[in-house]
Structures are given as structure tokens and as C-alpha cells.
């Protein structure tokens, strides 16, 4: 698979990851335990906001691999 195809697939994958991650994070943020505490909300939103980076890193690494030489 050439790099252009990998980048297209990876871009769609990253968009889907961001959408699903944000919707899931918003759903969990409505939990009574988180909604009652301002400090817990702050920690939760920092973790949820940065947490998508870990699953995205392998995808970005895969996207940026050079083309195989034939």
C-alpha cells in the first residue's frame, strides 16, 4: 500500500477516533460523581482531552511509514 492510500485511510481513522472519543468523553462527563466536583471535572477533562493521543500515535506512525521499495 502506498503512502497516499495510508494517509487517506489514516485521516478517516483519526476523524472517526476524534468523533467517537469526544462523544464518549461527553457521555462519561455526565456521571454524577464527576458532575458534582469541580476539581474532578478539571482532572477528567484534562485526561479525556489528552487521552485520545495514545490510540492515535500508532495510526500516525503507520501513516507516515515510507513506501516499500520494489
Protein backbone atom coordinates (compact mmCIF):
# COMPACT_ATOMS: atom_id res chain seq x y z
CA UNK A 1 0.00 0.00 0.00
CA UNK A 2 1.48 3.35 -0.95
CA UNK A 3 1.79 6.31 1.41
CA UNK A 4 -1.06 8.28 -0.18
CA UNK A 5 -3.53 5.47 0.45
CA UNK A 6 -2.28 5.01 4.03
CA UNK A 7 -2.67 8.74 4.68
CA UNK A 8 -6.22 8.72 3.33
CA UNK A 9 -7.20 5.72 5.46
CA UNK A 10 -5.37 7.17 8.48
CA UNK A 11 -7.06 10.56 8.13
CA UNK A 12 -10.51 8.95 8.06
CA UNK A 13 -9.49 6.81 11.03
CA UNK A 14 -8.29 9.82 13.01
CA UNK A 15 -11.51 11.70 12.31
CA UNK A 16 -13.58 8.75 13.46
CA UNK A 17 -11.41 8.35 16.55
CA UNK A 18 -11.81 12.02 17.46
CA UNK A 19 -15.58 11.92 16.99
CA UNK A 20 -16.13 8.71 18.95
CA UNK A 21 -13.68 9.77 21.67
CA UNK A 22 -15.32 13.17 22.18
CA UNK A 23 -18.85 11.78 22.27
CA UNK A 24 -17.82 9.08 24.72
CA UNK A 25 -15.99 11.60 26.91
CA UNK A 26 -19.04 13.86 26.97
CA UNK A 27 -21.25 10.93 27.98
CA UNK A 28 -18.94 9.95 30.85
CA UNK A 29 -18.70 13.57 31.98
CA UNK A 30 -22.39 13.48 32.85
CA UNK A 31 -21.80 10.89 35.57
CA UNK A 32 -22.96 12.23 38.95
CA UNK A 33 -19.58 11.64 40.56
CA UNK A 34 -17.82 13.85 38.01
CA UNK A 35 -20.61 16.41 37.69
CA UNK A 36 -20.64 17.19 41.43
CA UNK A 37 -16.96 18.04 41.88
CA UNK A 38 -15.27 20.95 40.12
CA UNK A 39 -11.80 19.51 40.84
CA UNK A 40 -12.76 16.11 39.47
CA UNK A 41 -14.22 17.79 36.41
CA UNK A 42 -10.97 19.63 35.78
CA UNK A 43 -8.90 16.46 36.09
CA UNK A 44 -11.36 14.47 33.98
CA UNK A 45 -11.39 16.98 31.13
CA UNK A 46 -7.58 17.18 31.06
CA UNK A 47 -7.28 13.39 30.95
CA UNK A 48 -10.11 12.98 28.45
CA UNK A 49 -8.79 15.81 26.30
CA UNK A 50 -5.30 14.38 26.06
CA UNK A 51 -6.24 10.70 26.21
CA UNK A 52 -7.05 10.36 22.51
CA UNK A 53 -3.38 10.91 21.68
CA UNK A 54 -2.33 7.45 22.89
CA UNK A 55 -4.58 5.49 20.49
CA UNK A 56 -3.79 7.94 17.68
CA UNK A 57 0.01 7.54 17.88
CA UNK A 58 0.19 4.06 16.28
CA UNK A 59 -2.12 5.21 13.50
CA UNK A 60 0.02 8.27 12.75
CA UNK A 61 3.17 6.13 12.83
CA UNK A 62 1.59 3.70 10.37
CA UNK A 63 0.51 6.57 8.11
CA UNK A 64 3.98 8.08 7.92
CA UNK A 65 5.91 4.91 7.04
CA UNK A 66 7.79 5.25 3.78
CA UNK A 67 6.65 3.39 0.69
CA UNK A 68 8.13 -0.09 0.30
CA UNK A 69 10.71 -0.28 -2.45
CA UNK A 70 10.13 -2.86 -5.11
